[in-house]
Amino acid sequence: MTTTTLPTAPEAAPNATPSGPGKDAAAIRLSAAGLIRSEWIKLRSVRSTVWSYALLVVFSLGLAAIMSASLDLQGADVSMVPAANQATFVAQSSTFGVFFGQLIVAVLGVLTISGEYSTGMIRSTLAAVPNRLPALWAKAAVLFVTTFLVGLVSTVGSYLVSSAVLSGKGLHAGLFDPAVLFPVLGGALYLGLIAVFALGIGTIVRSGAGGIAVVLGIVLLVPIVLQMIPAAWATSLLPYLVSNAGINMFGLMSFSQVPIEWWVDLLVVLGWLAAGLVGAAVLLKRRDA
């Protein structure tokens, strides 16, 4: 009796890459550079990004001009004003736009992720990155760097406007004066951090309107409510709110009766950011797209 041996398929090489329409999608992985490039393309191709950053710069320059022009020295002898106080006037005018700019970038941070959920693009993103978390980290990195750079343009531009207006009133301070440079850099840093915090909230809520409501409530409404409560515990909480700590961070206003170092304020802001991103990461892994 004879037996017939069926031909077997040739064994694939150990390092061969699957090819053809039936190749396993799991074998496709985006590199870190590819993820960054992808998130950058998505961020800059959305109309809301352009409008948000444009409004940030315009509002910052406009508010710097208004605050500088409205400064009334009431006939005081400017030559008698110490150089440190002159630098404080210039720094306050240069960073005044950050108070309103934080609201703009907070909205942008939410829209950066909620837009993907509303259009369904998030499914494509997570299909390309099955592990999910690298996509979130890449989105956060691109948003932070872009917002920081645009924020730096707005604060430096505000300094140029403020310096030009205030010099006509006899007030002078160089950009590289530490009393000016640190607030200018700190304002831009805070804008980048608050945008990433809003990204985390937007990922948790997954809704544009809902995410914006939550973020603006935390940034804007909660500090106002606590200031209206005549209780010691409410006053004690004020320095540890993300917006108050962020403003304290560049040293032009204090919400605490006890002086707090700038690095403590930075840690408070980073704590809020970490809480938002950790919550976003946990829910992104557990929930369906």
C-alpha atoms as a PDB file:
ATOM      1  CA  MET A   1       0.000   0.000   0.000  1.00  0.00           C
ATOM      2  CA  THR A   2       1.381   3.374  -0.937  1.00  0.00           C
ATOM      3  CA  THR A   3       0.811   6.654   0.834  1.00  0.00           C
ATOM      4  CA  THR A   4       0.543  10.070  -0.661  1.00  0.00           C
ATOM      5  CA  THR A   5       2.330  12.926   1.058  1.00  0.00           C
ATOM      6  CA  LEU A   6       0.628  16.275   0.716  1.00  0.00           C
ATOM      7  CA  PRO A   7       2.889  19.218  -0.032  1.00  0.00           C
ATOM      8  CA  THR A   8       3.423  21.589   2.888  1.00  0.00           C
ATOM      9  CA  ALA A   9       3.758  25.328   2.709  1.00  0.00           C
ATOM     10  CA  PRO A  10       7.298  26.568   2.981  1.00  0.00           C
ATOM     11  CA  GLU A  11       8.203  27.763   6.433  1.00  0.00           C
ATOM     12  CA  ALA A  12       8.472  31.496   6.695  1.00  0.00           C
ATOM     13  CA  ALA A  13      11.763  33.025   7.578  1.00  0.00           C
ATOM     14  CA  PRO A  14      11.986  34.006  11.218  1.00  0.00           C
ATOM     15  CA  ASN A  15      12.497  37.737  10.503  1.00  0.00           C
ATOM     16  CA  ALA A  16      10.177  38.010   7.547  1.00  0.00           C
ATOM     17  CA  THR A  17       7.646  40.841   7.539  1.00  0.00           C
ATOM     18  CA  PRO A  18       4.078  39.830   6.655  1.00  0.00           C
ATOM     19  CA  SER A  19       3.042  41.102   3.255  1.00  0.00           C
ATOM     20  CA  GLY A  20      -0.062  41.243   1.159  1.00  0.00           C
ATOM     21  CA  PRO A  21      -3.630  42.186   1.997  1.00  0.00           C
ATOM     22  CA  GLY A  22      -3.950  39.507   4.651  1.00  0.00           C
ATOM     23  CA  LYS A  23      -1.024  40.496   6.808  1.00  0.00           C
ATOM     24  CA  ASP A  24      -1.654  40.819  10.505  1.00  0.00           C
ATOM     25  CA  ALA A  25      -2.489  44.366  11.528  1.00  0.00           C
ATOM     26  CA  ALA A  26      -0.882  43.733  14.891  1.00  0.00           C
ATOM     27  CA  ALA A  27       2.475  43.487  13.142  1.00  0.00           C
ATOM     28  CA  ILE A  28       2.212  47.161  12.170  1.00  0.00           C
ATOM     29  CA  ARG A  29       3.589  49.495  14.799  1.00  0.00           C
ATOM     30  CA  LEU A  30       4.162  53.220  14.596  1.00  0.00           C
ATOM     31  CA  SER A  31       7.502  54.462  15.867  1.00  0.00           C
ATOM     32  CA  ALA A  32       7.687  57.265  18.410  1.00  0.00           C
ATOM     33  CA  ALA A  33       8.698  59.682  15.660  1.00  0.00           C
ATOM     34  CA  GLY A  34       5.781  58.493  13.543  1.00  0.00           C
ATOM     35  CA  LEU A  35       3.360  59.055  16.411  1.00  0.00           C
ATOM     36  CA  ILE A  36       4.697  62.560  17.016  1.00  0.00           C
ATOM     37  CA  ARG A  37       4.448  63.365  13.308  1.00  0.00           C
ATOM     38  CA  SER A  38       0.917  62.007  13.137  1.00  0.00           C
ATOM     39  CA  GLU A  39      -0.258  64.031  16.149  1.00  0.00           C
ATOM     40  CA  TRP A  40       1.420  67.167  14.806  1.00  0.00           C
ATOM     41  CA  ILE A  41      -0.398  66.784  11.486  1.00  0.00           C
ATOM     42  CA  LYS A  42      -3.719  66.301  13.282  1.00  0.00           C
ATOM     43  CA  LEU A  43      -3.156  69.295  15.566  1.00  0.00           C
ATOM     44  CA  ARG A  44      -2.147  71.784  12.878  1.00  0.00           C
ATOM     45  CA  SER A  45      -4.748  70.652  10.347  1.00  0.00           C
ATOM     46  CA  VAL A  46      -7.694  71.453  12.632  1.00  0.00           C
ATOM     47  CA  ARG A  47      -9.164  74.928  12.212  1.00  0.00           C
ATOM     48  CA  SER A  48      -9.806  75.363  15.929  1.00  0.00           C
ATOM     49  CA  THR A  49      -6.064  75.095  16.609  1.00  0.00           C
ATOM     50  CA  VAL A  50      -5.212  77.992  14.307  1.00  0.00           C
ATOM     51  CA  TRP A  51      -7.984  80.173  15.708  1.00  0.00           C
ATOM     52  CA  SER A  52      -7.111  79.376  19.312  1.00  0.00           C
ATOM     53  CA  TYR A  53      -3.431  80.180  18.962  1.00  0.00           C
ATOM     54  CA  ALA A  54      -4.203  83.309  16.933  1.00  0.00           C
ATOM     55  CA  LEU A  55      -6.601  84.516  19.632  1.00  0.00           C
ATOM     56  CA  LEU A  56      -3.997  83.772  22.300  1.00  0.00           C
ATOM     57  CA  VAL A  57      -1.416  85.996  20.622  1.00  0.00           C
ATOM     58  CA  VAL A  58      -3.869  88.780  19.729  1.00  0.00           C
ATOM     59  CA  PHE A  59      -5.422  88.886  23.204  1.00  0.00           C
ATOM     60  CA  SER A  60      -2.010  88.855  24.879  1.00  0.00           C
ATOM     61  CA  LEU A  61      -0.658  91.745  22.793  1.00  0.00           C
ATOM     62  CA  GLY A  62      -3.872  93.729  23.096  1.00  0.00           C
ATOM     63  CA  LEU A  63      -4.143  93.303  26.860  1.00  0.00           C
ATOM     64  CA  ALA A  64      -0.478  94.205  27.298  1.00  0.00           C
ATOM     65  CA  ALA A  65      -1.047  97.432  25.369  1.00  0.00           C
ATOM     66  CA  ILE A  66      -4.188  98.265  27.368  1.00  0.00           C
ATOM     67  CA  MET A  67      -2.598  97.590  30.752  1.00  0.00           C
ATOM     68  CA  SER A  68       0.560  99.532  29.882  1.00  0.00           C
ATOM     69  CA  ALA A  69      -1.373 102.507  28.549  1.00  0.00           C
ATOM     70  CA  SER A  70      -3.690 102.576  31.570  1.00  0.00           C
ATOM     71  CA  LEU A  71      -0.851 102.741  34.090  1.00  0.00           C
ATOM     72  CA  ASP A  72      -1.206 106.125  35.794  1.00  0.00           C
ATOM     73  CA  LEU A  73       1.825 107.318  37.718  1.00  0.00           C
ATOM     74  CA  GLN A  74      -0.075 110.423  38.909  1.00  0.00           C
ATOM     75  CA  GLY A  75       2.793 112.772  38.302  1.00  0.00           C
ATOM     76  CA  ALA A  76       5.255 110.727  40.330  1.00  0.00           C
ATOM     77  CA  ASP A  77       8.947 111.186  39.666  1.00  0.00           C
ATOM     78  CA  VAL A  78       9.760 108.049  37.695  1.00  0.00           C
ATOM     79  CA  SER A  79      13.467 108.497  38.278  1.00  0.00           C
ATOM     80  CA  MET A  80      12.802 107.780  41.958  1.00  0.00           C
ATOM     81  CA  VAL A  81      11.135 104.415  41.232  1.00  0.00           C
ATOM     82  CA  PRO A  82      13.572 101.568  42.051  1.00  0.00           C
ATOM     83  CA  ALA A  83      14.697  99.406  39.118  1.00  0.00           C
ATOM     84  CA  ALA A  84      13.116  96.336  40.726  1.00  0.00           C
ATOM     85  CA  ASN A  85       9.713  98.039  40.809  1.00  0.00           C
ATOM     86  CA  GLN A  86      10.072  99.164  37.218  1.00  0.00           C
ATOM     87  CA  ALA A  87      10.797  95.560  36.204  1.00  0.00           C
ATOM     88  CA  THR A  88       7.698  94.432  38.132  1.00  0.00           C
ATOM     89  CA  PHE A  89       5.500  96.899  36.222  1.00  0.00           C
ATOM     90  CA  VAL A  90       6.884  95.654  32.901  1.00  0.00           C
ATOM     91  CA  ALA A  91       6.537  91.978  33.882  1.00  0.00           C
ATOM     92  CA  GLN A  92       2.951  92.423  35.052  1.00  0.00           C
ATOM     93  CA  SER A  93       1.977  94.057  31.779  1.00  0.00           C
ATOM     94  CA  SER A  94       3.813  91.404  29.765  1.00  0.00           C
ATOM     95  CA  THR A  95       2.053  88.480  31.445  1.00  0.00           C
ATOM     96  CA  PHE A  96      -1.386  89.993  31.975  1.00  0.00           C
ATOM     97  CA  GLY A  97      -2.668  88.089  28.931  1.00  0.00           C
ATOM     98  CA  VAL A  98      -1.902  84.748  30.609  1.00  0.00           C
ATOM     99  CA  PHE A  99      -4.913  85.225  32.908  1.00  0.00           C
ATOM    100  CA  PHE A 100      -7.204  85.037  29.865  1.00  0.00           C
ATOM    101  CA  GLY A 101      -4.933  82.925  27.679  1.00  0.00           C
ATOM    102  CA  GLN A 102      -5.267  79.989  30.078  1.00  0.00           C
ATOM    103  CA  LEU A 103      -8.960  79.789  29.200  1.00  0.00           C
ATOM    104  CA  ILE A 104      -8.190  79.708  25.459  1.00  0.00           C
ATOM    105  CA  VAL A 105      -5.602  76.923  25.669  1.00  0.00           C
ATOM    106  CA  ALA A 106      -7.782  74.977  28.119  1.00  0.00           C
ATOM    107  CA  VAL A 107     -10.568  74.898  25.549  1.00  0.00           C
ATOM    108  CA  LEU A 108      -8.055  73.897  22.866  1.00  0.00           C
ATOM    109  CA  GLY A 109      -6.734  71.060  25.038  1.00  0.00           C
ATOM    110  CA  VAL A 110     -10.220  69.588  25.378  1.00  0.00           C
ATOM    111  CA  LEU A 111     -11.004  69.980  21.671  1.00  0.00           C
ATOM    112  CA  THR A 112      -7.744  68.269  20.711  1.00  0.00           C
ATOM    113  CA  ILE A 113      -9.106  64.930  21.904  1.00  0.00           C
ATOM    114  CA  SER A 114     -12.886  65.442  21.931  1.00  0.00           C
ATOM    115  CA  GLY A 115     -12.807  66.250  18.217  1.00  0.00           C
ATOM    116  CA  GLU A 116     -11.470  62.759  17.525  1.00  0.00           C
ATOM    117  CA  TYR A 117     -14.287  61.184  19.506  1.00  0.00           C
ATOM    118  CA  SER A 118     -16.958  63.271  17.767  1.00  0.00           C
ATOM    119  CA  THR A 119     -15.672  62.448  14.275  1.00  0.00           C
ATOM    120  CA  GLY A 120     -14.802  58.808  14.997  1.00  0.00           C
ATOM    121  CA  MET A 121     -11.129  59.372  14.160  1.00  0.00           C
ATOM    122  CA  ILE A 122     -10.225  57.992  17.573  1.00  0.00           C
ATOM    123  CA  ARG A 123     -10.982  54.480  16.255  1.00  0.00           C
ATOM    124  CA  SER A 124      -8.358  54.857  13.555  1.00  0.00           C
ATOM    125  CA  THR A 125      -5.878  56.256  16.063  1.00  0.00           C
ATOM    126  CA  LEU A 126      -6.350  53.365  18.481  1.00  0.00           C
ATOM    127  CA  ALA A 127      -6.300  50.816  15.668  1.00  0.00           C
ATOM    128  CA  ALA A 128      -2.888  52.118  14.623  1.00  0.00           C
ATOM    129  CA  VAL A 129      -1.714  52.154  18.250  1.00  0.00           C
ATOM    130  CA  PRO A 130      -3.299  49.116  19.952  1.00  0.00           C
ATOM    131  CA  ASN A 131      -1.461  49.847  23.196  1.00  0.00           C
ATOM    132  CA  ARG A 132      -3.298  53.219  23.231  1.00  0.00           C
ATOM    133  CA  LEU A 133      -1.120  54.978  25.788  1.00  0.00           C
ATOM    134  CA  PRO A 134       1.697  55.977  23.389  1.00  0.00           C
ATOM    135  CA  ALA A 135      -0.903  57.855  21.350  1.00  0.00           C
ATOM    136  CA  LEU A 136      -1.963  59.795  24.455  1.00  0.00           C
ATOM    137  CA  TRP A 137       1.645  60.609  25.412  1.00  0.00           C
ATOM    138  CA  ALA A 138       2.437  61.730  21.864  1.00  0.00           C
ATOM    139  CA  LYS A 139      -0.648  63.936  21.760  1.00  0.00           C
ATOM    140  CA  ALA A 140       0.273  65.467  25.132  1.00  0.00           C
ATOM    141  CA  ALA A 141       3.876  66.103  24.065  1.00  0.00           C
ATOM    142  CA  VAL A 142       2.890  67.780  20.791  1.00  0.00           C
ATOM    143  CA  LEU A 143       0.240  69.896  22.499  1.00  0.00           C
ATOM    144  CA  PHE A 144       2.611  70.985  25.273  1.00  0.00           C
ATOM    145  CA  VAL A 145       5.517  71.938  23.008  1.00  0.00           C
ATOM    146  CA  THR A 146       3.298  73.789  20.529  1.00  0.00           C
ATOM    147  CA  THR A 147       1.392  75.662  23.232  1.00  0.00           C
ATOM    148  CA  PHE A 148       4.592  76.556  25.077  1.00  0.00           C
ATOM    149  CA  LEU A 149       6.165  77.977  21.915  1.00  0.00           C
ATOM    150  CA  VAL A 150       3.064  79.956  20.955  1.00  0.00           C
ATOM    151  CA  GLY A 151       2.747  81.095  24.570  1.00  0.00           C
ATOM    152  CA  LEU A 152       6.378  82.223  24.498  1.00  0.00           C
ATOM    153  CA  VAL A 153       5.701  84.214  21.330  1.00  0.00           C
ATOM    154  CA  SER A 154       2.719  85.857  23.029  1.00  0.00           C
ATOM    155  CA  THR A 155       4.554  86.728  26.265  1.00  0.00           C
ATOM    156  CA  VAL A 156       7.700  87.983  24.518  1.00  0.00           C
ATOM    157  CA  GLY A 157       5.548  89.945  22.084  1.00  0.00           C
ATOM    158  CA  SER A 158       3.620  91.363  25.041  1.00  0.00           C
ATOM    159  CA  TYR A 159       6.918  92.402  26.612  1.00  0.00           C
ATOM    160  CA  LEU A 160       7.887  94.276  23.445  1.00  0.00           C
ATOM    161  CA  VAL A 161       4.531  96.066  23.425  1.00  0.00           C
ATOM    162  CA  SER A 162       4.626  96.854  27.146  1.00  0.00           C
ATOM    163  CA  SER A 163       8.236  97.967  27.024  1.00  0.00           C
ATOM    164  CA  ALA A 164       7.517 100.344  24.150  1.00  0.00           C
ATOM    165  CA  VAL A 165       4.524 101.914  25.908  1.00  0.00           C
ATOM    166  CA  LEU A 166       6.062 102.093  29.386  1.00  0.00           C
ATOM    167  CA  SER A 167       9.355 103.499  28.136  1.00  0.00           C
ATOM    168  CA  GLY A 168       7.390 106.538  27.057  1.00  0.00           C
ATOM    169  CA  LYS A 169       6.413 106.948  30.726  1.00  0.00           C
ATOM    170  CA  GLY A 170       9.992 106.555  31.902  1.00  0.00           C
ATOM    171  CA  LEU A 171       9.800 102.897  33.004  1.00  0.00           C
ATOM    172  CA  HIS A 172      12.503 100.603  31.654  1.00  0.00           C
ATOM    173  CA  ALA A 173      13.398  96.925  32.139  1.00  0.00           C
ATOM    174  CA  GLY A 174      15.310  94.559  29.887  1.00  0.00           C
ATOM    175  CA  LEU A 175      13.891  91.245  28.759  1.00  0.00           C
ATOM    176  CA  PHE A 176      16.810  89.374  30.320  1.00  0.00           C
ATOM    177  CA  ASP A 177      16.321  91.009  33.677  1.00  0.00           C
ATOM    178  CA  PRO A 178      15.467  88.018  35.931  1.00  0.00           C
ATOM    179  CA  ALA A 179      12.443  89.900  37.292  1.00  0.00           C
ATOM    180  CA  VAL A 180      11.082  90.020  33.715  1.00  0.00           C
ATOM    181  CA  LEU A 181      12.517  86.898  32.099  1.00  0.00           C
ATOM    182  CA  PHE A 182      11.272  84.412  34.712  1.00  0.00           C
ATOM    183  CA  PRO A 183       7.628  85.624  34.581  1.00  0.00           C
ATOM    184  CA  VAL A 184       7.726  85.642  30.768  1.00  0.00           C
ATOM    185  CA  LEU A 185       9.034  82.067  30.658  1.00  0.00           C
ATOM    186  CA  GLY A 186       6.807  80.974  33.536  1.00  0.00           C
ATOM    187  CA  GLY A 187       3.698  82.301  31.820  1.00  0.00           C
ATOM    188  CA  ALA A 188       4.473  80.339  28.655  1.00  0.00           C
ATOM    189  CA  LEU A 189       5.250  77.212  30.696  1.00  0.00           C
ATOM    190  CA  TYR A 190       1.961  77.463  32.570  1.00  0.00           C
ATOM    191  CA  LEU A 191      -0.001  77.791  29.316  1.00  0.00           C
ATOM    192  CA  GLY A 192       1.587  74.587  28.028  1.00  0.00           C
ATOM    193  CA  LEU A 193       0.856  72.711  31.255  1.00  0.00           C
ATOM    194  CA  ILE A 194      -2.764  73.823  31.523  1.00  0.00           C
ATOM    195  CA  ALA A 195      -3.362  72.743  27.906  1.00  0.00           C
ATOM    196  CA  VAL A 196      -2.130  69.223  28.718  1.00  0.00           C
ATOM    197  CA  PHE A 197      -4.240  69.145  31.890  1.00  0.00           C
ATOM    198  CA  ALA A 198      -7.283  70.008  29.772  1.00  0.00           C
ATOM    199  CA  LEU A 199      -6.317  67.242  27.344  1.00  0.00           C
ATOM    200  CA  GLY A 200      -6.499  64.762  30.220  1.00  0.00           C
ATOM    201  CA  ILE A 201      -9.932  66.034  31.265  1.00  0.00           C
ATOM    202  CA  GLY A 202     -11.151  65.896  27.661  1.00  0.00           C
ATOM    203  CA  THR A 203      -9.986  62.281  27.392  1.00  0.00           C
ATOM    204  CA  ILE A 204     -11.858  61.386  30.569  1.00  0.00           C
ATOM    205  CA  VAL A 205     -15.116  63.127  29.595  1.00  0.00           C
ATOM    206  CA  ARG A 206     -14.895  62.387  25.822  1.00  0.00           C
ATOM    207  CA  SER A 207     -17.232  65.309  25.066  1.00  0.00           C
ATOM    208  CA  GLY A 208     -16.333  68.762  23.837  1.00  0.00           C
ATOM    209  CA  ALA A 209     -19.044  70.628  25.723  1.00  0.00           C
ATOM    210  CA  GLY A 210     -18.713  68.503  28.857  1.00  0.00           C
ATOM    211  CA  GLY A 211     -14.916  68.664  28.917  1.00  0.00           C
ATOM    212  CA  ILE A 212     -14.875  72.435  28.433  1.00  0.00           C
ATOM    213  CA  ALA A 213     -17.429  72.855  31.227  1.00  0.00           C
ATOM    214  CA  VAL A 214     -15.347  70.746  33.631  1.00  0.00           C
ATOM    215  CA  VAL A 215     -12.039  72.440  32.803  1.00  0.00           C
ATOM    216  CA  LEU A 216     -13.385  75.992  32.954  1.00  0.00           C
ATOM    217  CA  GLY A 217     -15.158  75.112  36.178  1.00  0.00           C
ATOM    218  CA  ILE A 218     -11.871  73.966  37.731  1.00  0.00           C
ATOM    219  CA  VAL A 219      -9.797  76.830  36.329  1.00  0.00           C
ATOM    220  CA  LEU A 220     -12.256  79.707  36.653  1.00  0.00           C
ATOM    221  CA  LEU A 221     -15.308  78.897  38.772  1.00  0.00           C
ATOM    222  CA  VAL A 222     -13.874  76.980  41.738  1.00  0.00           C
ATOM    223  CA  PRO A 223     -11.418  79.775  42.725  1.00  0.00           C
ATOM    224  CA  ILE A 224     -14.234  82.333  42.662  1.00  0.00           C
ATOM    225  CA  VAL A 225     -16.501  80.147  44.784  1.00  0.00           C
ATOM    226  CA  LEU A 226     -13.796  79.468  47.374  1.00  0.00           C
ATOM    227  CA  GLN A 227     -12.973  83.171  47.612  1.00  0.00           C
ATOM    228  CA  MET A 228     -16.612  83.853  48.477  1.00  0.00           C
ATOM    229  CA  ILE A 229     -16.691  81.320  51.344  1.00  0.00           C
ATOM    230  CA  PRO A 230     -15.819  83.037  54.659  1.00  0.00           C
ATOM    231  CA  ALA A 231     -14.039  80.042  56.136  1.00  0.00           C
ATOM    232  CA  ALA A 232     -10.418  79.326  56.964  1.00  0.00           C
ATOM    233  CA  TRP A 233     -10.419  75.998  55.129  1.00  0.00           C
ATOM    234  CA  ALA A 234     -11.518  77.687  51.892  1.00  0.00           C
ATOM    235  CA  THR A 235      -8.743  80.264  52.186  1.00  0.00           C
ATOM    236  CA  SER A 236      -6.231  77.490  52.858  1.00  0.00           C
ATOM    237  CA  LEU A 237      -7.251  75.647  49.684  1.00  0.00           C
ATOM    238  CA  LEU A 238      -6.859  78.635  47.355  1.00  0.00           C
ATOM    239  CA  PRO A 239      -3.064  78.337  46.801  1.00  0.00           C
ATOM    240  CA  TYR A 240      -3.469  74.684  45.768  1.00  0.00           C
ATOM    241  CA  LEU A 241      -5.914  75.214  42.923  1.00  0.00           C
ATOM    242  CA  VAL A 242      -4.329  74.669  39.535  1.00  0.00           C
ATOM    243  CA  SER A 243      -5.029  78.171  38.195  1.00  0.00           C
ATOM    244  CA  ASN A 244      -3.916  79.955  41.369  1.00  0.00           C
ATOM    245  CA  ALA A 245      -0.744  77.889  41.635  1.00  0.00           C
ATOM    246  CA  GLY A 246      -0.023  78.518  37.964  1.00  0.00           C
ATOM    247  CA  ILE A 247      -0.358  82.274  38.395  1.00  0.00           C
ATOM    248  CA  ASN A 248       1.731  82.195  41.574  1.00  0.00           C
ATOM    249  CA  MET A 249       4.332  80.207  39.668  1.00  0.00           C
ATOM    250  CA  PHE A 250       5.577  83.223  37.723  1.00  0.00           C
ATOM    251  CA  GLY A 251       5.593  85.362  40.830  1.00  0.00           C
ATOM    252  CA  LEU A 252       3.261  88.284  40.129  1.00  0.00           C
ATOM    253  CA  MET A 253       0.356  87.462  42.442  1.00  0.00           C
ATOM    254  CA  SER A 254      -0.094  85.447  45.619  1.00  0.00           C
ATOM    255  CA  PHE A 255      -3.204  83.684  46.905  1.00  0.00           C
ATOM    256  CA  SER A 256      -1.538  82.564  50.102  1.00  0.00           C
ATOM    257  CA  GLN A 257      -0.965  84.430  53.339  1.00  0.00           C
ATOM    258  CA  VAL A 258       2.322  82.568  53.658  1.00  0.00           C
ATOM    259  CA  PRO A 259       4.933  82.991  50.875  1.00  0.00           C
ATOM    260  CA  ILE A 260       5.209  79.910  48.678  1.00  0.00           C
ATOM    261  CA  GLU A 261       8.262  79.145  46.562  1.00  0.00           C
ATOM    262  CA  TRP A 262       7.753  79.008  42.806  1.00  0.00           C
ATOM    263  CA  TRP A 263       8.860  75.379  42.644  1.00  0.00           C
ATOM    264  CA  VAL A 264       6.106  74.416  45.109  1.00  0.00           C
ATOM    265  CA  ASP A 265       3.556  76.080  42.820  1.00  0.00           C
ATOM    266  CA  LEU A 266       5.065  74.195  39.885  1.00  0.00           C
ATOM    267  CA  LEU A 267       4.685  70.906  41.775  1.00  0.00           C
ATOM    268  CA  VAL A 268       1.037  71.739  42.494  1.00  0.00           C
ATOM    269  CA  VAL A 269       0.358  72.362  38.795  1.00  0.00           C
ATOM    270  CA  LEU A 270       2.211  69.169  37.851  1.00  0.00           C
ATOM    271  CA  GLY A 271       0.155  67.280  40.433  1.00  0.00           C
ATOM    272  CA  TRP A 272      -3.091  68.423  38.816  1.00  0.00           C
ATOM    273  CA  LEU A 273      -1.690  67.577  35.382  1.00  0.00           C
ATOM    274  CA  ALA A 274      -0.593  64.111  36.540  1.00  0.00           C
ATOM    275  CA  ALA A 275      -4.021  63.422  38.052  1.00  0.00           C
ATOM    276  CA  GLY A 276      -5.707  64.348  34.774  1.00  0.00           C
ATOM    277  CA  LEU A 277      -3.356  62.280  32.630  1.00  0.00           C
ATOM    278  CA  VAL A 278      -3.430  59.230  34.923  1.00  0.00           C
ATOM    279  CA  GLY A 279      -7.225  59.244  34.936  1.00  0.00           C
ATOM    280  CA  ALA A 280      -7.208  59.647  31.157  1.00  0.00           C
ATOM    281  CA  ALA A 281      -4.735  56.782  30.714  1.00  0.00           C
ATOM    282  CA  VAL A 282      -6.705  54.383  32.942  1.00  0.00           C
ATOM    283  CA  LEU A 283     -10.021  55.084  31.222  1.00  0.00           C
ATOM    284  CA  LEU A 284      -8.474  55.052  27.748  1.00  0.00           C
ATOM    285  CA  LYS A 285      -7.201  51.527  28.389  1.00  0.00           C
ATOM    286  CA  ARG A 286     -10.448  50.245  29.923  1.00  0.00           C
ATOM    287  CA  ARG A 287     -13.123  51.789  27.725  1.00  0.00           C
ATOM    288  CA  ASP A 288     -14.063  51.066  24.163  1.00  0.00           C
ATOM    289  CA  ALA A 289     -13.441  53.755  21.597  1.00  0.00           C
END
